[in-house]
Structure formats: structure tokens, C-alpha cells
Amino acid sequence: MSEQDDRSRFEAVYRRTYEQILGYAVRRCSSPEDAADVVAETYVIAWRRITELPDGEAGKLWLYGVARRVLANHRRSERRRLTRHTELTDEIEHFYAAPSRHSEPHGVNEAMGMLADGDRELLALALWEGLDPGEIATVLDCSRNAARIRLHRARKRFAKALDKTRPSAAGFASRPLIEKESG
């Protein structure tokens, strides 16, 4: 088969099966974005393996099998990401949270969830990878000074987000510890 024949065949299969494969992914993914990624990867594999793609109904079933494997890989990847996120939040709490017997460990997870991806990545590079600002600058392809400033700002945003997740002691600080007796 020529490349043009392969392309025509792929386009026909895509048009015939797209809605079904998308529905399969949407029903199994936690977000529309994840479903779109699964579908896209499924069709990338189909294109790469076009010579293995059966004709007719068997082709649709073959695509379901590919989508199932892509989804399994996606879920494994997601579990690894969540595990790394949990490890990072544990480390951040260990290094940055003020020790308190009243501290709420879940507040760190919530605070990390409030941060932009870029801030989480900066904190991960500093804590997980143990990189200094110069090394972070190399990874991010920016100046050392820019990396230092970004890391400083990420730490400040994390601290603010962490404050939002924990009960404020501000109301208690303004009250005297012992009420004076009138009389």
C-alpha cells in the first residue's frame, strides 16, 4: 500500500470510529482533557501501526484494545504523579511548615493544589532533586537570578496558600491571655 492509501484508510477508520473511541475514553477518564489525550494517543498508535489495523468491525475492536492499553498506561502514570505529589508535599511540610502539634498535614496537599504547575515544579526541583538556583536556572533555561526570584516567589505563594488552608490564629493574638478582673 502507498502512503496515500494508508492515509485514506486511516481517515476512513478515524471518521467511522472516533465517536465510539472518544465515548469509551470519556466514560473512563476523570477529565475531558485526559480523555482527549487517551484518544489522541490511540489514533497515533493506529497511524504508526496502520498495517496491523484490521478492516471493518475488527478494526474498531482493535482500536478499543489499543485505547484500553493507553488508558491503563495513563492511569499508571497518574498514580505515579500522585505518589510523587504526596512525597513532595510531605517533604515540603517537613522543611517549610512551622512545627505545631495542631498542624494539619492535609493542609499541605491543599496548599500545593492551589499553586500553579510552575510553582510546584520549582519547589520539586529544589526539594526532590536538591538543585540549587544555578542548577534550576539551567533546567529552566533562564538566568540564575531569575531562578532565585522565581523560587523565592513560589515559596511565598506556598506559604500564603498554606495559611489559607489552616485556621488563623490572628483572632487569638489580639486577645490578652489572662482577662483582667474588674473591680
N, C-alpha and C. Protein backbone atom coordinates (compact mmCIF):
# COMPACT_ATOMS: atom_id res chain seq x y z
N MET A 1 0.83 -1.18 0.00
CA MET A 1 0.00 0.00 0.00
C MET A 1 0.88 1.25 0.00
N SER A 2 0.41 2.26 -0.66
CA SER A 2 1.16 3.52 -0.70
C SER A 2 0.80 4.35 0.53
N GLU A 3 1.57 5.38 0.76
CA GLU A 3 1.29 6.25 1.90
C GLU A 3 -0.07 6.92 1.72
N GLN A 4 -0.42 7.26 0.50
CA GLN A 4 -1.73 7.88 0.24
C GLN A 4 -2.86 6.90 0.56
N ASP A 5 -2.67 5.62 0.19
CA ASP A 5 -3.68 4.60 0.52
C ASP A 5 -3.80 4.43 2.03
N ASP A 6 -2.64 4.41 2.73
CA ASP A 6 -2.65 4.30 4.19
C ASP A 6 -3.39 5.49 4.80
N ARG A 7 -3.10 6.66 4.27
CA ARG A 7 -3.74 7.87 4.81
C ARG A 7 -5.26 7.82 4.60
N SER A 8 -5.68 7.45 3.42
CA SER A 8 -7.12 7.37 3.13
C SER A 8 -7.79 6.34 4.03
N ARG A 9 -7.14 5.21 4.21
CA ARG A 9 -7.69 4.15 5.06
C ARG A 9 -7.78 4.63 6.51
N PHE A 10 -6.72 5.28 6.99
CA PHE A 10 -6.71 5.79 8.36
C PHE A 10 -7.84 6.82 8.56
N GLU A 11 -7.97 7.74 7.62
CA GLU A 11 -9.02 8.76 7.73
C GLU A 11 -10.41 8.14 7.76
N ALA A 12 -10.61 7.11 6.97
CA ALA A 12 -11.92 6.43 6.96
C ALA A 12 -12.18 5.75 8.30
N VAL A 13 -11.17 5.06 8.82
CA VAL A 13 -11.31 4.39 10.12
C VAL A 13 -11.56 5.44 11.21
N TYR A 14 -10.83 6.53 11.15
CA TYR A 14 -10.97 7.60 12.14
C TYR A 14 -12.40 8.15 12.13
N ARG A 15 -12.90 8.48 10.97
CA ARG A 15 -14.26 9.01 10.86
C ARG A 15 -15.30 8.01 11.36
N ARG A 16 -15.09 6.75 11.08
CA ARG A 16 -16.05 5.71 11.44
C ARG A 16 -16.02 5.39 12.94
N THR A 17 -14.88 5.55 13.60
CA THR A 17 -14.74 5.07 14.98
C THR A 17 -14.52 6.16 16.03
N TYR A 18 -14.24 7.37 15.60
CA TYR A 18 -13.84 8.42 16.55
C TYR A 18 -14.83 8.59 17.70
N GLU A 19 -16.11 8.75 17.41
CA GLU A 19 -17.09 8.99 18.46
C GLU A 19 -17.15 7.84 19.46
N GLN A 20 -17.02 6.63 18.96
CA GLN A 20 -17.08 5.46 19.85
C GLN A 20 -15.85 5.40 20.75
N ILE A 21 -14.68 5.65 20.18
CA ILE A 21 -13.45 5.61 20.98
C ILE A 21 -13.44 6.78 21.98
N LEU A 22 -13.91 7.94 21.54
CA LEU A 22 -13.99 9.08 22.45
C LEU A 22 -14.96 8.77 23.60
N GLY A 23 -16.11 8.22 23.31
CA GLY A 23 -17.06 7.85 24.35
C GLY A 23 -16.46 6.86 25.34
N TYR A 24 -15.73 5.88 24.81
CA TYR A 24 -15.04 4.90 25.66
C TYR A 24 -14.11 5.61 26.64
N ALA A 25 -13.32 6.54 26.12
CA ALA A 25 -12.34 7.24 26.96
C ALA A 25 -13.03 8.18 27.95
N VAL A 26 -14.04 8.92 27.51
CA VAL A 26 -14.73 9.87 28.39
C VAL A 26 -15.36 9.15 29.58
N ARG A 27 -15.92 7.98 29.34
CA ARG A 27 -16.56 7.23 30.43
C ARG A 27 -15.56 6.67 31.43
N ARG A 28 -14.29 6.65 31.07
CA ARG A 28 -13.29 6.03 31.93
C ARG A 28 -12.26 7.02 32.50
N CYS A 29 -12.26 8.23 32.04
CA CYS A 29 -11.28 9.22 32.48
C CYS A 29 -11.90 10.20 33.46
N SER A 30 -11.06 10.78 34.29
CA SER A 30 -11.54 11.71 35.29
C SER A 30 -11.75 13.12 34.75
N SER A 31 -11.25 13.41 33.54
CA SER A 31 -11.46 14.74 32.97
C SER A 31 -11.54 14.64 31.45
N PRO A 32 -12.20 15.60 30.82
CA PRO A 32 -12.26 15.60 29.35
C PRO A 32 -10.86 15.71 28.72
N GLU A 33 -9.97 16.43 29.38
CA GLU A 33 -8.60 16.57 28.86
C GLU A 33 -7.89 15.23 28.82
N ASP A 34 -8.05 14.45 29.90
CA ASP A 34 -7.44 13.12 29.94
C ASP A 34 -8.02 12.23 28.85
N ALA A 35 -9.33 12.30 28.66
CA ALA A 35 -9.97 11.51 27.61
C ALA A 35 -9.43 11.90 26.24
N ALA A 36 -9.28 13.19 26.01
CA ALA A 36 -8.74 13.65 24.73
C ALA A 36 -7.32 13.13 24.52
N ASP A 37 -6.52 13.11 25.59
CA ASP A 37 -5.15 12.58 25.48
C ASP A 37 -5.17 11.09 25.14
N VAL A 38 -6.05 10.34 25.78
CA VAL A 38 -6.15 8.90 25.52
C VAL A 38 -6.55 8.66 24.06
N VAL A 39 -7.54 9.40 23.59
CA VAL A 39 -8.00 9.23 22.21
C VAL A 39 -6.89 9.61 21.23
N ALA A 40 -6.23 10.71 21.48
CA ALA A 40 -5.15 11.15 20.58
C ALA A 40 -4.05 10.09 20.51
N GLU A 41 -3.65 9.58 21.66
CA GLU A 41 -2.59 8.57 21.68
C GLU A 41 -3.05 7.28 20.99
N THR A 42 -4.32 6.93 21.15
CA THR A 42 -4.87 5.75 20.49
C THR A 42 -4.72 5.87 18.97
N TYR A 43 -5.08 7.02 18.43
CA TYR A 43 -5.00 7.21 16.98
C TYR A 43 -3.57 7.40 16.49
N VAL A 44 -2.69 7.91 17.33
CA VAL A 44 -1.27 7.97 16.95
C VAL A 44 -0.74 6.55 16.78
N ILE A 45 -1.09 5.69 17.71
CA ILE A 45 -0.66 4.29 17.63
C ILE A 45 -1.27 3.63 16.40
N ALA A 46 -2.54 3.92 16.15
CA ALA A 46 -3.19 3.34 14.97
C ALA A 46 -2.48 3.78 13.69
N TRP A 47 -2.09 5.03 13.62
CA TRP A 47 -1.38 5.52 12.43
C TRP A 47 -0.03 4.83 12.28
N ARG A 48 0.70 4.73 13.38
CA ARG A 48 2.02 4.08 13.33
C ARG A 48 1.91 2.60 12.95
N ARG A 49 0.81 1.98 13.34
CA ARG A 49 0.65 0.54 13.10
C ARG A 49 -0.47 0.27 12.09
N ILE A 50 -0.62 1.16 11.15
CA ILE A 50 -1.72 1.08 10.18
C ILE A 50 -1.75 -0.25 9.45
N THR A 51 -0.59 -0.85 9.24
CA THR A 51 -0.56 -2.14 8.52
C THR A 51 -1.12 -3.27 9.38
N GLU A 52 -1.15 -3.08 10.70
CA GLU A 52 -1.70 -4.10 11.60
C GLU A 52 -3.19 -3.89 11.87
N LEU A 53 -3.70 -2.72 11.52
CA LEU A 53 -5.10 -2.39 11.79
C LEU A 53 -6.02 -3.21 10.90
N PRO A 54 -6.85 -4.07 11.53
CA PRO A 54 -7.77 -4.89 10.73
C PRO A 54 -8.86 -4.04 10.07
N ASP A 55 -9.48 -4.58 9.08
CA ASP A 55 -10.57 -3.89 8.38
C ASP A 55 -11.88 -4.11 9.11
N GLY A 56 -12.82 -3.21 8.87
CA GLY A 56 -14.20 -3.36 9.35
C GLY A 56 -14.35 -3.34 10.85
N GLU A 57 -15.29 -4.15 11.32
CA GLU A 57 -15.62 -4.23 12.75
C GLU A 57 -14.41 -4.66 13.58
N ALA A 58 -13.59 -5.54 13.04
CA ALA A 58 -12.39 -5.98 13.75
C ALA A 58 -11.45 -4.81 14.01
N GLY A 59 -11.43 -3.83 13.12
CA GLY A 59 -10.60 -2.64 13.30
C GLY A 59 -11.07 -1.82 14.49
N LYS A 60 -12.38 -1.69 14.63
CA LYS A 60 -12.93 -0.95 15.76
C LYS A 60 -12.56 -1.65 17.07
N LEU A 61 -12.69 -2.96 17.09
CA LEU A 61 -12.35 -3.72 18.30
C LEU A 61 -10.85 -3.61 18.60
N TRP A 62 -10.04 -3.59 17.55
CA TRP A 62 -8.59 -3.43 17.71
C TRP A 62 -8.31 -2.07 18.35
N LEU A 63 -9.02 -1.03 17.91
CA LEU A 63 -8.85 0.31 18.48
C LEU A 63 -9.29 0.35 19.94
N TYR A 64 -10.36 -0.36 20.28
CA TYR A 64 -10.77 -0.43 21.67
C TYR A 64 -9.64 -1.05 22.52
N GLY A 65 -9.02 -2.09 21.99
CA GLY A 65 -7.91 -2.72 22.71
C GLY A 65 -6.75 -1.77 22.89
N VAL A 66 -6.43 -1.00 21.85
CA VAL A 66 -5.36 -0.01 21.96
C VAL A 66 -5.74 1.05 22.99
N ALA A 67 -6.98 1.54 22.92
CA ALA A 67 -7.44 2.56 23.87
C ALA A 67 -7.39 2.03 25.30
N ARG A 68 -7.73 0.77 25.48
CA ARG A 68 -7.69 0.17 26.82
C ARG A 68 -6.26 0.17 27.37
N ARG A 69 -5.28 -0.19 26.52
CA ARG A 69 -3.88 -0.20 26.96
C ARG A 69 -3.36 1.22 27.20
N VAL A 70 -3.75 2.15 26.34
CA VAL A 70 -3.35 3.55 26.54
C VAL A 70 -3.93 4.07 27.85
N LEU A 71 -5.17 3.75 28.12
CA LEU A 71 -5.82 4.18 29.36
C LEU A 71 -5.12 3.56 30.58
N ALA A 72 -4.74 2.30 30.49
CA ALA A 72 -4.02 1.66 31.59
C ALA A 72 -2.68 2.36 31.83
N ASN A 73 -1.98 2.70 30.77
CA ASN A 73 -0.72 3.43 30.91
C ASN A 73 -0.97 4.81 31.52
N HIS A 74 -2.03 5.45 31.08
CA HIS A 74 -2.38 6.77 31.61
C HIS A 74 -2.66 6.67 33.12
N ARG A 75 -3.40 5.67 33.52
CA ARG A 75 -3.72 5.50 34.95
C ARG A 75 -2.46 5.21 35.77
N ARG A 76 -1.57 4.38 35.25
CA ARG A 76 -0.31 4.12 35.95
C ARG A 76 0.49 5.41 36.10
N SER A 77 0.54 6.17 35.04
CA SER A 77 1.25 7.44 35.06
C SER A 77 0.63 8.40 36.07
N GLU A 78 -0.68 8.45 36.10
CA GLU A 78 -1.39 9.31 37.05
C GLU A 78 -1.11 8.88 38.49
N ARG A 79 -1.10 7.58 38.75
CA ARG A 79 -0.79 7.09 40.10
C ARG A 79 0.63 7.49 40.50
N ARG A 80 1.58 7.36 39.56
CA ARG A 80 2.96 7.76 39.85
C ARG A 80 3.02 9.25 40.15
N ARG A 81 2.29 10.06 39.38
CA ARG A 81 2.28 11.50 39.59
C ARG A 81 1.71 11.84 40.96
N LEU A 82 0.60 11.19 41.33
CA LEU A 82 0.00 11.45 42.64
C LEU A 82 0.92 11.02 43.78
N THR A 83 1.62 9.90 43.59
CA THR A 83 2.57 9.44 44.60
C THR A 83 3.69 10.46 44.77
N ARG A 84 4.22 10.94 43.65
CA ARG A 84 5.28 11.97 43.72
C ARG A 84 4.76 13.24 44.36
N HIS A 85 3.52 13.61 44.05
CA HIS A 85 2.92 14.81 44.64
C HIS A 85 2.83 14.66 46.16
N THR A 86 2.39 13.49 46.62
CA THR A 86 2.28 13.23 48.05
C THR A 86 3.65 13.28 48.71
N GLU A 87 4.65 12.67 48.06
CA GLU A 87 6.01 12.71 48.61
C GLU A 87 6.52 14.14 48.71
N LEU A 88 6.27 14.93 47.68
CA LEU A 88 6.71 16.32 47.68
C LEU A 88 6.02 17.10 48.79
N THR A 89 4.73 16.93 48.95
CA THR A 89 4.02 17.68 49.99
C THR A 89 4.51 17.27 51.38
N ASP A 90 4.83 16.00 51.56
CA ASP A 90 5.39 15.55 52.85
C ASP A 90 6.73 16.24 53.11
N GLU A 91 7.56 16.30 52.08
CA GLU A 91 8.86 16.96 52.24
C GLU A 91 8.70 18.45 52.49
N ILE A 92 7.79 19.07 51.77
CA ILE A 92 7.58 20.50 51.96
C ILE A 92 7.10 20.78 53.37
N GLU A 93 6.19 19.96 53.85
CA GLU A 93 5.73 20.17 55.22
C GLU A 93 6.88 19.99 56.19
N HIS A 94 7.71 19.01 55.94
CA HIS A 94 8.85 18.77 56.82
C HIS A 94 9.81 19.96 56.83
N PHE A 95 10.08 20.52 55.66
CA PHE A 95 11.07 21.59 55.56
C PHE A 95 10.51 22.99 55.80
N TYR A 96 9.26 23.23 55.46
CA TYR A 96 8.75 24.59 55.47
C TYR A 96 7.64 24.87 56.46
N ALA A 97 6.94 23.88 56.89
CA ALA A 97 5.83 24.13 57.80
C ALA A 97 6.38 24.33 59.21
N ALA A 98 5.84 25.30 59.91
CA ALA A 98 6.24 25.54 61.28
C ALA A 98 5.78 24.35 62.12
N PRO A 99 6.67 23.80 62.93
CA PRO A 99 6.25 22.66 63.74
C PRO A 99 5.14 23.07 64.71
N SER A 100 4.10 22.30 64.70
CA SER A 100 2.98 22.59 65.58
C SER A 100 2.22 21.30 65.81
N ARG A 101 1.83 21.10 67.04
CA ARG A 101 1.06 19.88 67.29
C ARG A 101 -0.34 20.00 66.72
N HIS A 102 -0.72 21.23 66.29
CA HIS A 102 -2.04 21.44 65.71
C HIS A 102 -2.01 21.47 64.19
N SER A 103 -0.82 21.24 63.62
CA SER A 103 -0.74 21.36 62.16
C SER A 103 -1.54 20.26 61.48
N GLU A 104 -2.08 20.60 60.35
CA GLU A 104 -2.93 19.69 59.60
C GLU A 104 -2.17 19.23 58.36
N PRO A 105 -1.75 17.95 58.31
CA PRO A 105 -0.95 17.51 57.16
C PRO A 105 -1.68 17.67 55.84
N HIS A 106 -2.99 17.58 55.84
CA HIS A 106 -3.72 17.71 54.58
C HIS A 106 -3.72 19.14 54.07
N GLY A 107 -3.42 20.08 54.93
CA GLY A 107 -3.33 21.47 54.51
C GLY A 107 -2.22 21.66 53.48
N VAL A 108 -1.16 20.88 53.61
CA VAL A 108 -0.06 20.98 52.66
C VAL A 108 -0.52 20.51 51.28
N ASN A 109 -1.21 19.40 51.24
CA ASN A 109 -1.72 18.92 49.95
C ASN A 109 -2.65 19.95 49.33
N GLU A 110 -3.52 20.51 50.15
CA GLU A 110 -4.45 21.51 49.64
C GLU A 110 -3.70 22.75 49.15
N ALA A 111 -2.70 23.17 49.92
CA ALA A 111 -1.90 24.35 49.53
C ALA A 111 -1.15 24.07 48.23
N MET A 112 -0.60 22.89 48.09
CA MET A 112 0.10 22.55 46.84
C MET A 112 -0.87 22.57 45.67
N GLY A 113 -2.08 22.12 45.93
CA GLY A 113 -3.10 22.13 44.88
C GLY A 113 -3.49 23.52 44.44
N MET A 114 -3.28 24.50 45.30
CA MET A 114 -3.60 25.88 44.97
C MET A 114 -2.52 26.54 44.09
N LEU A 115 -1.34 25.93 44.06
CA LEU A 115 -0.23 26.53 43.32
C LEU A 115 -0.31 26.22 41.84
N ALA A 116 0.26 27.09 41.06
CA ALA A 116 0.38 26.86 39.62
C ALA A 116 1.40 25.74 39.39
N ASP A 117 1.30 25.08 38.25
CA ASP A 117 2.22 24.00 37.92
C ASP A 117 3.68 24.46 38.00
N GLY A 118 3.94 25.66 37.54
CA GLY A 118 5.30 26.18 37.56
C GLY A 118 5.86 26.29 38.96
N ASP A 119 5.04 26.73 39.91
CA ASP A 119 5.49 26.82 41.29
C ASP A 119 5.76 25.44 41.88
N ARG A 120 4.86 24.51 41.60
CA ARG A 120 5.07 23.14 42.09
C ARG A 120 6.37 22.56 41.52
N GLU A 121 6.62 22.82 40.24
CA GLU A 121 7.84 22.30 39.60
C GLU A 121 9.08 22.92 40.24
N LEU A 122 9.06 24.23 40.49
CA LEU A 122 10.21 24.88 41.14
C LEU A 122 10.48 24.26 42.51
N LEU A 123 9.43 24.10 43.30
CA LEU A 123 9.60 23.51 44.63
C LEU A 123 10.11 22.07 44.53
N ALA A 124 9.63 21.34 43.55
CA ALA A 124 10.09 19.96 43.36
C ALA A 124 11.56 19.92 42.96
N LEU A 125 11.96 20.79 42.06
CA LEU A 125 13.37 20.83 41.65
C LEU A 125 14.27 21.15 42.84
N ALA A 126 13.81 22.07 43.69
CA ALA A 126 14.62 22.44 44.85
C ALA A 126 14.64 21.35 45.90
N LEU A 127 13.47 20.75 46.19
CA LEU A 127 13.39 19.78 47.28
C LEU A 127 13.67 18.35 46.86
N TRP A 128 12.97 17.87 45.85
CA TRP A 128 13.16 16.48 45.44
C TRP A 128 14.52 16.27 44.81
N GLU A 129 14.85 17.16 43.90
CA GLU A 129 16.09 16.96 43.15
C GLU A 129 17.28 17.57 43.85
N GLY A 130 17.03 18.40 44.85
CA GLY A 130 18.13 19.02 45.60
C GLY A 130 18.94 20.00 44.76
N LEU A 131 18.31 20.62 43.78
CA LEU A 131 19.03 21.53 42.90
C LEU A 131 19.11 22.91 43.52
N ASP A 132 20.26 23.56 43.31
CA ASP A 132 20.40 24.94 43.76
C ASP A 132 19.89 25.87 42.65
N PRO A 133 19.74 27.16 42.94
CA PRO A 133 19.20 28.08 41.92
C PRO A 133 19.97 28.08 40.60
N GLY A 134 21.27 27.90 40.64
CA GLY A 134 22.05 27.84 39.40
C GLY A 134 21.67 26.63 38.56
N GLU A 135 21.50 25.49 39.22
CA GLU A 135 21.11 24.27 38.52
C GLU A 135 19.67 24.37 38.01
N ILE A 136 18.80 24.96 38.84
CA ILE A 136 17.42 25.16 38.41
C ILE A 136 17.39 26.07 37.19
N ALA A 137 18.23 27.10 37.19
CA ALA A 137 18.31 28.02 36.05
C ALA A 137 18.66 27.26 34.77
N THR A 138 19.57 26.31 34.87
CA THR A 138 19.95 25.51 33.70
C THR A 138 18.77 24.68 33.22
N VAL A 139 18.06 24.04 34.15
CA VAL A 139 16.90 23.22 33.79
C VAL A 139 15.82 24.06 33.12
N LEU A 140 15.58 25.25 33.67
CA LEU A 140 14.50 26.11 33.17
C LEU A 140 14.95 27.02 32.03
N ASP A 141 16.23 26.96 31.72
CA ASP A 141 16.79 27.80 30.65
C ASP A 141 16.53 29.28 30.92
N CYS A 142 16.92 29.69 32.13
CA CYS A 142 16.80 31.10 32.50
C CYS A 142 18.04 31.48 33.29
N SER A 143 18.16 32.73 33.67
CA SER A 143 19.33 33.16 34.44
C SER A 143 19.23 32.65 35.87
N ARG A 144 20.38 32.59 36.53
CA ARG A 144 20.43 32.16 37.94
C ARG A 144 19.57 33.10 38.78
N ASN A 145 19.68 34.39 38.52
CA ASN A 145 18.92 35.37 39.28
C ASN A 145 17.41 35.16 39.08
N ALA A 146 16.99 34.90 37.84
CA ALA A 146 15.57 34.65 37.57
C ALA A 146 15.10 33.41 38.33
N ALA A 147 15.93 32.36 38.36
CA ALA A 147 15.57 31.14 39.08
C ALA A 147 15.43 31.41 40.57
N ARG A 148 16.36 32.19 41.13
CA ARG A 148 16.29 32.53 42.56
C ARG A 148 15.02 33.30 42.87
N ILE A 149 14.69 34.27 42.02
CA ILE A 149 13.49 35.08 42.23
C ILE A 149 12.24 34.21 42.12
N ARG A 150 12.18 33.37 41.10
CA ARG A 150 11.00 32.51 40.91
C ARG A 150 10.83 31.56 42.09
N LEU A 151 11.95 30.97 42.56
CA LEU A 151 11.89 30.05 43.69
C LEU A 151 11.43 30.79 44.94
N HIS A 152 11.95 31.97 45.17
CA HIS A 152 11.54 32.78 46.32
C HIS A 152 10.04 33.07 46.27
N ARG A 153 9.56 33.47 45.09
CA ARG A 153 8.14 33.79 44.94
C ARG A 153 7.27 32.54 45.09
N ALA A 154 7.75 31.41 44.58
CA ALA A 154 6.99 30.15 44.73
C ALA A 154 6.87 29.78 46.20
N ARG A 155 7.96 29.97 46.95
CA ARG A 155 7.91 29.67 48.38
C ARG A 155 6.94 30.60 49.10
N LYS A 156 6.94 31.86 48.73
CA LYS A 156 6.00 32.82 49.34
C LYS A 156 4.55 32.45 49.01
N ARG A 157 4.31 32.09 47.74
CA ARG A 157 2.94 31.71 47.36
C ARG A 157 2.51 30.43 48.08
N PHE A 158 3.46 29.51 48.26
CA PHE A 158 3.15 28.29 49.00
C PHE A 158 2.79 28.64 50.44
N ALA A 159 3.57 29.50 51.07
CA ALA A 159 3.30 29.89 52.46
C ALA A 159 1.92 30.54 52.58
N LYS A 160 1.56 31.41 51.64
CA LYS A 160 0.25 32.05 51.65
C LYS A 160 -0.86 31.01 51.46
N ALA A 161 -0.64 30.10 50.53
CA ALA A 161 -1.65 29.06 50.29
C ALA A 161 -1.80 28.18 51.52
N LEU A 162 -0.68 27.88 52.18
CA LEU A 162 -0.74 27.06 53.39
C LEU A 162 -1.49 27.79 54.49
N ASP A 163 -1.28 29.09 54.62
CA ASP A 163 -2.03 29.88 55.62
C ASP A 163 -3.53 29.81 55.36
N LYS A 164 -3.91 29.80 54.10
CA LYS A 164 -5.34 29.75 53.76
C LYS A 164 -5.98 28.42 54.15
N THR A 165 -5.18 27.36 54.21
CA THR A 165 -5.73 26.04 54.49
C THR A 165 -5.81 25.73 55.98
N ARG A 166 -5.20 26.58 56.78
CA ARG A 166 -5.16 26.32 58.22
C ARG A 166 -5.95 27.39 58.98
N PRO A 167 -6.53 27.04 60.12
CA PRO A 167 -7.26 28.04 60.90
C PRO A 167 -6.32 29.17 61.31
N SER A 168 -6.81 30.36 61.24
CA SER A 168 -5.99 31.52 61.58
C SER A 168 -5.94 31.70 63.09
N ALA A 169 -4.76 32.04 63.56
CA ALA A 169 -4.59 32.34 64.97
C ALA A 169 -4.63 33.84 65.20
N ALA A 170 -4.89 34.61 64.16
CA ALA A 170 -4.87 36.07 64.24
C ALA A 170 -5.86 36.58 65.28
N GLY A 171 -7.02 35.99 65.34
CA GLY A 171 -8.02 36.43 66.30
C GLY A 171 -7.59 36.21 67.74
N PHE A 172 -6.79 35.21 68.00
CA PHE A 172 -6.33 34.91 69.35
C PHE A 172 -5.17 35.81 69.75
N ALA A 173 -4.38 36.24 68.79
CA ALA A 173 -3.19 37.04 69.09
C ALA A 173 -3.56 38.40 69.64
N SER A 174 -4.70 38.94 69.28
CA SER A 174 -5.07 40.28 69.73
C SER A 174 -5.69 40.27 71.12
N ARG A 175 -6.10 39.09 71.61
CA ARG A 175 -6.69 39.00 72.94
C ARG A 175 -5.63 38.73 73.99
N PRO A 176 -5.74 39.34 75.15
CA PRO A 176 -4.79 39.03 76.23
C PRO A 176 -5.01 37.60 76.70
N LEU A 177 -3.94 36.97 77.11
CA LEU A 177 -4.04 35.60 77.59
C LEU A 177 -4.87 35.49 78.86
N ILE A 178 -4.73 36.50 79.75
CA ILE A 178 -5.49 36.48 81.01
C ILE A 178 -6.33 37.74 81.05
N GLU A 179 -7.61 37.57 81.24
CA GLU A 179 -8.52 38.71 81.34
C GLU A 179 -8.29 39.38 82.70
N LYS A 180 -8.18 40.70 82.69
CA LYS A 180 -8.06 41.43 83.95
C LYS A 180 -9.42 41.48 84.62
N GLU A 181 -9.39 41.26 85.89
CA GLU A 181 -10.63 41.31 86.65
C GLU A 181 -10.95 42.77 86.98
N SER A 182 -12.18 43.11 86.79
CA SER A 182 -12.57 44.47 87.14
C SER A 182 -13.04 44.48 88.61
N GLY A 183 -12.74 45.53 89.24
CA GLY A 183 -13.32 45.52 90.48
C GLY A 183 -12.84 46.22 91.57
